[in-house]
Amino acid sequence: MEQLTMNTYDHLVCVDEDAKELVVFRVGADGKRTLFTRVALPQVEGWSAELQDLAKALGENLLIDSPVIRRILNV
């Protein structure tokens, strides 16, 4: 695994059960968390179209936001 530097960061995805949200932080080499996004969970239960859309958007956002992935894939 690549060592984190000040120019790279990982993502930490948390669930706020009370707010029914996903909360995503960027975590720097120093361990500092910076809020990246908060996303409300769909109101519809089950594997709905809304949940599929959320999963796709979240995955795309994490891939595009990652400096390491952008460097590996040259994007």
C-alpha atoms as a PDB file:
ATOM      1  CA  MET A   1       0.000   0.000   0.000  1.00  0.00           C
ATOM      2  CA  GLU A   2       1.271   3.442  -0.887  1.00  0.00           C
ATOM      3  CA  GLN A   3       2.423   5.660   1.960  1.00  0.00           C
ATOM      4  CA  LEU A   4       0.217   8.710   2.460  1.00  0.00           C
ATOM      5  CA  THR A   5       1.892  12.061   1.945  1.00  0.00           C
ATOM      6  CA  MET A   6       0.558  15.558   2.494  1.00  0.00           C
ATOM      7  CA  ASN A   7      -0.689  15.539  -1.116  1.00  0.00           C
ATOM      8  CA  THR A   8      -2.654  12.297  -0.797  1.00  0.00           C
ATOM      9  CA  TYR A   9      -5.450  11.100   1.403  1.00  0.00           C
ATOM     10  CA  ASP A  10      -7.735   8.157   1.945  1.00  0.00           C
ATOM     11  CA  HIS A  11     -11.479   8.177   2.380  1.00  0.00           C
ATOM     12  CA  LEU A  12     -13.402   7.110   5.450  1.00  0.00           C
ATOM     13  CA  VAL A  13     -17.078   6.286   4.908  1.00  0.00           C
ATOM     14  CA  CYS A  14     -19.258   6.356   8.033  1.00  0.00           C
ATOM     15  CA  VAL A  15     -22.952   5.828   8.624  1.00  0.00           C
ATOM     16  CA  ASP A  16     -24.828   8.313  10.794  1.00  0.00           C
ATOM     17  CA  GLU A  17     -27.701   6.068  11.801  1.00  0.00           C
ATOM     18  CA  ASP A  18     -29.641   8.808  13.597  1.00  0.00           C
ATOM     19  CA  ALA A  19     -29.489  11.187  10.620  1.00  0.00           C
ATOM     20  CA  LYS A  20     -29.802   8.297   8.117  1.00  0.00           C
ATOM     21  CA  GLU A  21     -26.836   9.630   6.157  1.00  0.00           C
ATOM     22  CA  LEU A  22     -23.549   8.439   4.761  1.00  0.00           C
ATOM     23  CA  VAL A  23     -20.737  10.737   5.836  1.00  0.00           C
ATOM     24  CA  VAL A  24     -17.482  10.658   3.873  1.00  0.00           C
ATOM     25  CA  PHE A  25     -14.248  12.158   5.155  1.00  0.00           C
ATOM     26  CA  ARG A  26     -10.890  12.673   3.519  1.00  0.00           C
ATOM     27  CA  VAL A  27      -8.218  11.409   5.919  1.00  0.00           C
ATOM     28  CA  GLY A  28      -4.763  12.938   5.480  1.00  0.00           C
ATOM     29  CA  ALA A  29      -1.360  11.505   6.324  1.00  0.00           C
ATOM     30  CA  ASP A  30      -1.550  13.242   9.693  1.00  0.00           C
ATOM     31  CA  GLY A  31      -4.846  11.459  10.487  1.00  0.00           C
ATOM     32  CA  LYS A  32      -6.851  14.676  10.209  1.00  0.00           C
ATOM     33  CA  ARG A  33     -10.376  14.153   8.914  1.00  0.00           C
ATOM     34  CA  THR A  34     -11.922  16.679   6.543  1.00  0.00           C
ATOM     35  CA  LEU A  35     -15.581  16.375   5.601  1.00  0.00           C
ATOM     36  CA  PHE A  36     -15.904  15.432   1.926  1.00  0.00           C
ATOM     37  CA  THR A  37     -19.667  14.914   1.690  1.00  0.00           C
ATOM     38  CA  ARG A  38     -22.838  13.947   3.528  1.00  0.00           C
ATOM     39  CA  VAL A  39     -25.459  12.011   1.598  1.00  0.00           C
ATOM     40  CA  ALA A  40     -28.956  11.174   2.792  1.00  0.00           C
ATOM     41  CA  LEU A  41     -29.908   7.509   2.539  1.00  0.00           C
ATOM     42  CA  PRO A  42     -32.917   6.756   0.326  1.00  0.00           C
ATOM     43  CA  GLN A  43     -36.299   6.759   2.047  1.00  0.00           C
ATOM     44  CA  VAL A  44     -37.358   3.634   0.134  1.00  0.00           C
ATOM     45  CA  GLU A  45     -36.394   0.324   1.739  1.00  0.00           C
ATOM     46  CA  GLY A  46     -34.814  -2.507  -0.238  1.00  0.00           C
ATOM     47  CA  TRP A  47     -32.537  -2.417  -3.259  1.00  0.00           C
ATOM     48  CA  SER A  48     -34.352   0.421  -5.014  1.00  0.00           C
ATOM     49  CA  ALA A  49     -33.438   2.519  -8.033  1.00  0.00           C
ATOM     50  CA  GLU A  50     -32.592   5.326  -5.595  1.00  0.00           C
ATOM     51  CA  LEU A  51     -30.131   3.082  -3.745  1.00  0.00           C
ATOM     52  CA  GLN A  52     -28.556   1.946  -7.024  1.00  0.00           C
ATOM     53  CA  ASP A  53     -28.131   5.585  -8.066  1.00  0.00           C
ATOM     54  CA  LEU A  54     -26.576   6.447  -4.695  1.00  0.00           C
ATOM     55  CA  ALA A  55     -24.155   3.513  -4.887  1.00  0.00           C
ATOM     56  CA  LYS A  56     -23.068   4.430  -8.410  1.00  0.00           C
ATOM     57  CA  ALA A  57     -22.631   8.138  -7.621  1.00  0.00           C
ATOM     58  CA  LEU A  58     -20.751   7.440  -4.385  1.00  0.00           C
ATOM     59  CA  GLY A  59     -18.391   5.005  -6.101  1.00  0.00           C
ATOM     60  CA  GLU A  60     -17.728   7.415  -8.960  1.00  0.00           C
ATOM     61  CA  ASN A  61     -17.125  10.317  -6.567  1.00  0.00           C
ATOM     62  CA  LEU A  62     -14.659   8.318  -4.465  1.00  0.00           C
ATOM     63  CA  LEU A  63     -12.762   7.128  -7.539  1.00  0.00           C
ATOM     64  CA  ILE A  64     -12.538  10.589  -9.077  1.00  0.00           C
ATOM     65  CA  ASP A  65     -11.585  12.239  -5.767  1.00  0.00           C
ATOM     66  CA  SER A  66      -8.731   9.831  -5.026  1.00  0.00           C
ATOM     67  CA  PRO A  67      -5.322  11.262  -6.014  1.00  0.00           C
ATOM     68  CA  VAL A  68      -3.781   7.783  -5.944  1.00  0.00           C
ATOM     69  CA  ILE A  69      -6.421   6.272  -8.237  1.00  0.00           C
ATOM     70  CA  ARG A  70      -6.164   9.240 -10.616  1.00  0.00           C
ATOM     71  CA  ARG A  71      -2.406   8.748 -10.763  1.00  0.00           C
ATOM     72  CA  ILE A  72      -2.638   4.957 -11.244  1.00  0.00           C
ATOM     73  CA  LEU A  73      -5.253   5.306 -13.995  1.00  0.00           C
ATOM     74  CA  ASN A  74      -3.719   8.475 -15.441  1.00  0.00           C
ATOM     75  CA  VAL A  75      -6.959  10.481 -15.232  1.00  0.00           C
END
